[in-house]
Protein backbone atom coordinates (compact mmCIF):
# COMPACT_ATOMS: atom_id res chain seq x y z
CA UNK A 1 16.17 -96.55 16.41
CA UNK A 2 16.53 -93.09 18.05
CA UNK A 3 19.84 -91.37 17.88
CA UNK A 4 21.94 -91.59 20.87
CA UNK A 5 21.33 -87.99 21.67
CA UNK A 6 17.66 -88.23 21.39
CA UNK A 7 17.80 -91.43 23.55
CA UNK A 8 19.64 -89.45 26.24
CA UNK A 9 16.75 -86.91 26.47
CA UNK A 10 18.49 -84.31 24.15
CA UNK A 11 17.07 -82.75 21.15
CA UNK A 12 18.09 -83.11 17.54
CA UNK A 13 18.05 -80.10 15.30
CA UNK A 14 18.23 -80.12 11.59
CA UNK A 15 21.02 -78.23 9.82
CA UNK A 16 20.28 -74.58 9.65
CA UNK A 17 17.95 -74.75 12.39
CA UNK A 18 18.21 -72.18 15.24
CA UNK A 19 17.81 -73.18 18.73
CA UNK A 20 15.49 -71.18 20.75
CA UNK A 21 16.43 -70.86 24.16
CA UNK A 22 13.96 -71.76 27.17
CA UNK A 23 13.82 -67.97 28.42
CA UNK A 24 14.10 -65.18 25.89
CA UNK A 25 17.25 -63.23 25.83
CA UNK A 26 17.41 -59.66 26.83
CA UNK A 27 17.18 -58.67 23.04
CA UNK A 28 13.46 -59.59 22.88
CA UNK A 29 13.04 -56.57 25.20
CA UNK A 30 14.65 -54.32 22.72
CA UNK A 31 12.40 -55.73 19.89
CA UNK A 32 9.49 -55.20 22.16
CA UNK A 33 10.65 -51.64 22.88
CA UNK A 34 10.97 -50.97 19.14
CA UNK A 35 7.29 -52.16 18.51
CA UNK A 36 6.10 -50.10 21.22
CA UNK A 37 7.97 -47.01 20.22
CA UNK A 38 6.91 -47.47 16.74
CA UNK A 39 3.22 -47.24 17.93
CA UNK A 40 4.21 -44.24 19.93
CA UNK A 41 5.98 -42.68 17.08
CA UNK A 42 2.94 -43.34 14.83
CA UNK A 43 0.85 -41.32 17.42
CA UNK A 44 3.37 -38.60 17.50
CA UNK A 45 3.37 -38.28 13.68
CA UNK A 46 -0.46 -38.37 13.59
CA UNK A 47 -0.41 -35.61 16.25
CA UNK A 48 2.12 -33.47 14.22
CA UNK A 49 0.03 -34.23 10.89
CA UNK A 50 -3.15 -33.00 12.72
CA UNK A 51 -1.58 -29.84 13.97
CA UNK A 52 -0.04 -29.02 10.71
CA UNK A 53 -3.57 -29.42 8.93
CA UNK A 54 -5.70 -27.69 11.37
CA UNK A 55 -3.31 -24.86 12.93
CA UNK A 56 -0.49 -23.83 10.58
CA UNK A 57 0.26 -20.85 12.94
CA UNK A 58 1.61 -23.19 15.64
CA UNK A 59 4.93 -23.84 14.02
CA UNK A 60 8.02 -21.51 14.31
CA UNK A 61 8.75 -20.63 10.76
CA UNK A 62 6.78 -20.05 7.57
CA UNK A 63 6.79 -22.90 5.10
CA UNK A 64 8.90 -21.17 2.88
CA UNK A 65 11.71 -21.39 5.50
CA UNK A 66 11.55 -25.23 5.59
CA UNK A 67 14.06 -27.52 3.81
CA UNK A 68 11.44 -28.54 1.44
CA UNK A 69 9.11 -25.66 0.68
CA UNK A 70 5.56 -27.28 1.04
CA UNK A 71 2.38 -25.87 2.69
CA UNK A 72 1.78 -27.06 6.18
CA UNK A 73 -1.26 -28.86 5.10
CA UNK A 74 0.78 -30.99 2.61
CA UNK A 75 3.25 -31.71 5.53
CA UNK A 76 0.27 -32.77 7.59
CA UNK A 77 -0.94 -35.30 5.26
CA UNK A 78 2.59 -36.53 4.64
CA UNK A 79 3.05 -36.94 8.71
CA UNK A 80 -0.38 -38.78 8.69
CA UNK A 81 0.67 -41.21 6.00
CA UNK A 82 3.92 -41.99 7.91
CA UNK A 83 1.92 -42.31 11.06
CA UNK A 84 -0.32 -45.10 9.61
CA UNK A 85 2.59 -46.96 8.24
CA UNK A 86 4.57 -46.80 11.54
CA UNK A 87 1.39 -47.85 13.59
CA UNK A 88 0.80 -50.85 11.23
CA UNK A 89 4.55 -52.04 11.25
CA UNK A 90 4.59 -51.60 15.15
CA UNK A 91 1.61 -53.74 15.54
CA UNK A 92 3.04 -56.25 13.00
CA UNK A 93 6.35 -56.27 14.90
CA UNK A 94 4.68 -57.06 18.28
CA UNK A 95 2.87 -59.90 16.51
CA UNK A 96 6.21 -61.36 15.37
CA UNK A 97 5.84 -60.72 11.68
CA UNK A 98 9.33 -60.56 9.79
CA UNK A 99 7.89 -57.97 7.51
CA UNK A 100 7.08 -55.62 10.47
CA UNK A 101 10.76 -55.81 11.11
CA UNK A 102 11.59 -54.86 7.42
CA UNK A 103 9.07 -52.26 7.07
CA UNK A 104 9.71 -50.85 10.53
CA UNK A 105 13.39 -50.10 9.57
CA UNK A 106 12.33 -48.64 6.22
CA UNK A 107 9.69 -46.54 7.84
CA UNK A 108 12.14 -45.34 10.65
CA UNK A 109 14.57 -44.26 7.97
CA UNK A 110 11.74 -42.28 6.18
CA UNK A 111 10.66 -40.86 9.44
CA UNK A 112 14.33 -39.58 10.03
CA UNK A 113 14.32 -38.03 6.66
CA UNK A 114 10.92 -36.48 7.21
CA UNK A 115 11.86 -35.01 10.56
CA UNK A 116 15.25 -33.64 9.19
CA UNK A 117 13.22 -31.71 6.49
CA UNK A 118 10.74 -30.51 9.24
CA UNK A 119 13.52 -29.58 11.61
CA UNK A 120 13.19 -25.91 11.28
CA UNK A 121 9.42 -26.08 12.17
CA UNK A 122 9.42 -28.09 15.14
CA UNK A 123 13.28 -28.34 16.24
CA UNK A 124 13.04 -30.11 19.59
CA UNK A 125 10.51 -32.50 18.93
CA UNK A 126 11.94 -33.46 15.59
CA UNK A 127 15.33 -34.02 17.21
CA UNK A 128 13.61 -36.23 19.75
CA UNK A 129 11.80 -38.16 17.05
CA UNK A 130 15.15 -38.67 15.08
CA UNK A 131 16.71 -40.23 18.29
CA UNK A 132 13.81 -42.52 18.75
CA UNK A 133 13.86 -43.67 15.08
CA UNK A 134 17.70 -44.44 15.55
CA UNK A 135 16.94 -46.54 18.73
CA UNK A 136 14.14 -48.35 16.68
CA UNK A 137 16.57 -49.10 13.79
CA UNK A 138 19.22 -50.41 16.20
CA UNK A 139 16.95 -52.55 18.00
CA UNK A 140 15.36 -54.18 14.88
CA UNK A 141 18.57 -54.73 12.99
CA UNK A 142 20.61 -56.07 15.89
CA UNK A 143 18.44 -59.10 17.22
CA UNK A 144 14.76 -58.54 16.06
CA UNK A 145 14.35 -62.12 15.01
CA UNK A 146 14.39 -63.50 18.66
CA UNK A 147 10.90 -62.09 19.20
CA UNK A 148 9.35 -63.84 16.18
CA UNK A 149 11.12 -67.17 17.47
CA UNK A 150 9.82 -66.65 20.87
CA UNK A 151 6.15 -66.11 19.72
CA UNK A 152 6.26 -68.93 17.21
CA UNK A 153 7.56 -71.57 19.57
CA UNK A 154 5.52 -74.58 19.74
């Protein structure tokens, strides 16, 4: 025999189940923003990496004046590695993967630290990148799960 609520046309949820609204909340937009910005951020890190590898005269200071004294070639490979991680996490996030959120937050934190260490070489762009990283972390930690629920709706 159906429950009274089901007979009246309502839905019956199991304990602990989250009800997904008919229309996504505005927070889904922030999660989409984070995913797109992670892809853009990956491209920015890739650009910085290639510049550091192929044109070390482009930056404002000598490598010995950076927070961490590494050759620009080494910085370039570090930026390329972070670029790949951020791109993969951004694509996973846009596909509603939970691990994309987790990796996205971790990689955004790593990107902040990387750009803080690289600040003397490229101050304006590093500051902008840090600000975008903070927005990504905020949007992924506040309501990032709603995108996954919306994408996995049956």
